[in-house]
C-alpha atoms as a PDB file:
ATOM      1  CA  MET A   1     -59.263  45.273  82.674  1.00  0.00           C
ATOM      2  CA  PRO A   2     -61.722  42.538  83.174  1.00  0.00           C
ATOM      3  CA  SER A   3     -63.760  42.247  86.235  1.00  0.00           C
ATOM      4  CA  CYS A   4     -64.789  39.529  88.370  1.00  0.00           C
ATOM      5  CA  PRO A   5     -68.529  38.276  87.607  1.00  0.00           C
ATOM      6  CA  GLU A   6     -68.910  37.668  91.357  1.00  0.00           C
ATOM      7  CA  CYS A   7     -67.758  40.763  93.188  1.00  0.00           C
ATOM      8  CA  GLU A   8     -67.040  43.141  89.941  1.00  0.00           C
ATOM      9  CA  ASN A   9     -63.392  43.778  91.489  1.00  0.00           C
ATOM     10  CA  GLU A  10     -60.778  44.250  88.820  1.00  0.00           C
ATOM     11  CA  LEU A  11     -59.062  40.758  87.874  1.00  0.00           C
ATOM     12  CA  ASP A  12     -55.462  41.195  87.850  1.00  0.00           C
ATOM     13  CA  ILE A  13     -54.785  39.555  84.532  1.00  0.00           C
ATOM     14  CA  GLU A  14     -53.314  40.499  81.193  1.00  0.00           C
ATOM     15  CA  VAL A  15     -56.095  39.357  78.666  1.00  0.00           C
ATOM     16  CA  ASP A  16     -53.694  39.101  75.798  1.00  0.00           C
ATOM     17  CA  GLU A  17     -51.536  36.538  77.941  1.00  0.00           C
ATOM     18  CA  VAL A  18     -53.984  34.224  78.962  1.00  0.00           C
ATOM     19  CA  GLU A  19     -55.261  31.098  76.954  1.00  0.00           C
ATOM     20  CA  GLU A  20     -58.285  28.952  77.224  1.00  0.00           C
ATOM     21  CA  GLY A  21     -57.988  26.423  80.112  1.00  0.00           C
ATOM     22  CA  ASP A  22     -56.237  28.710  82.308  1.00  0.00           C
ATOM     23  CA  VAL A  23     -57.319  29.246  85.656  1.00  0.00           C
ATOM     24  CA  VAL A  24     -57.703  32.694  87.284  1.00  0.00           C
ATOM     25  CA  ALA A  25     -58.756  33.598  90.786  1.00  0.00           C
ATOM     26  CA  CYS A  26     -60.206  36.957  91.917  1.00  0.00           C
ATOM     27  CA  GLU A  27     -58.132  38.266  94.708  1.00  0.00           C
ATOM     28  CA  GLU A  28     -60.832  40.020  96.294  1.00  0.00           C
ATOM     29  CA  CYS A  29     -63.583  37.254  96.676  1.00  0.00           C
ATOM     30  CA  GLY A  30     -60.900  34.217  96.058  1.00  0.00           C
ATOM     31  CA  THR A  31     -63.602  32.633  93.400  1.00  0.00           C
ATOM     32  CA  GLU A  32     -61.677  30.830  90.557  1.00  0.00           C
ATOM     33  CA  PHE A  33     -62.681  30.935  87.180  1.00  0.00           C
ATOM     34  CA  GLU A  34     -61.318  29.184  84.176  1.00  0.00           C
ATOM     35  CA  VAL A  35     -60.776  30.846  80.803  1.00  0.00           C
ATOM     36  CA  VAL A  36     -63.336  29.251  78.248  1.00  0.00           C
ATOM     37  CA  GLY A  37     -62.842  31.969  75.684  1.00  0.00           C
ATOM     38  CA  VAL A  38     -60.215  34.534  74.961  1.00  0.00           C
ATOM     39  CA  GLU A  39     -61.847  36.748  72.109  1.00  0.00           C
ATOM     40  CA  PRO A  40     -63.935  38.292  73.898  1.00  0.00           C
ATOM     41  CA  LEU A  41     -62.593  36.959  77.454  1.00  0.00           C
ATOM     42  CA  GLU A  42     -65.015  34.337  78.857  1.00  0.00           C
ATOM     43  CA  LEU A  43     -64.749  32.861  82.089  1.00  0.00           C
ATOM     44  CA  ALA A  44     -66.607  30.123  83.652  1.00  0.00           C
ATOM     45  CA  ARG A  45     -66.601  29.529  87.622  1.00  0.00           C
ATOM     46  CA  LEU A  46     -64.750  26.381  88.626  1.00  0.00           C
ATOM     47  CA  GLU A  47     -67.153  25.593  91.563  1.00  0.00           C
ATOM     48  CA  GLU A  48     -70.112  25.660  89.354  1.00  0.00           C
ATOM     49  CA  GLU A  49     -68.639  22.760  87.245  1.00  0.00           C
ATOM     50  CA  LEU A  50     -67.714  20.657  90.276  1.00  0.00           C
ATOM     51  CA  GLU A  51     -71.206  20.879  91.863  1.00  0.00           C
ATOM     52  CA  GLU A  52     -72.724  19.849  88.367  1.00  0.00           C
ATOM     53  CA  ASP A  53     -70.465  16.939  88.340  1.00  0.00           C
ATOM     54  CA  ASP A  54     -71.247  16.289  92.152  1.00  0.00           C
ATOM     55  CA  ASP A  55     -75.220  16.313  91.213  1.00  0.00           C
ATOM     56  CA  LEU A  56     -74.704  13.778  88.268  1.00  0.00           C
ATOM     57  CA  TYR A  57     -72.957  11.552  90.679  1.00  0.00           C
ATOM     58  CA  GLU A  58     -75.580  11.700  93.477  1.00  0.00           C
ATOM     59  CA  GLU A  59     -78.116  10.818  90.777  1.00  0.00           C
ATOM     60  CA  ASP A  60     -76.306   7.916  89.679  1.00  0.00           C
ATOM     61  CA  GLU A  61     -76.020   6.658  93.295  1.00  0.00           C
ATOM     62  CA  GLU A  62     -79.919   6.871  93.514  1.00  0.00           C
ATOM     63  CA  GLU A  63     -80.553   4.816  90.428  1.00  0.00           C
ATOM     64  CA  GLU A  64     -78.489   2.089  91.838  1.00  0.00           C
END
């Protein structure tokens, strides 16, 4: 069973039942991850993607 990259708690997901683009959450710390790869399982933290988008938006505002 895969474990959470943040808190190392076991994630309650079936590796053979998830697809790329699915969102899974850790029951222990509440962090949400997007499945970006299935063989092997790769997870990307959703909050990081949002923060990167926010940074780009702020840079665009500063240029104006």
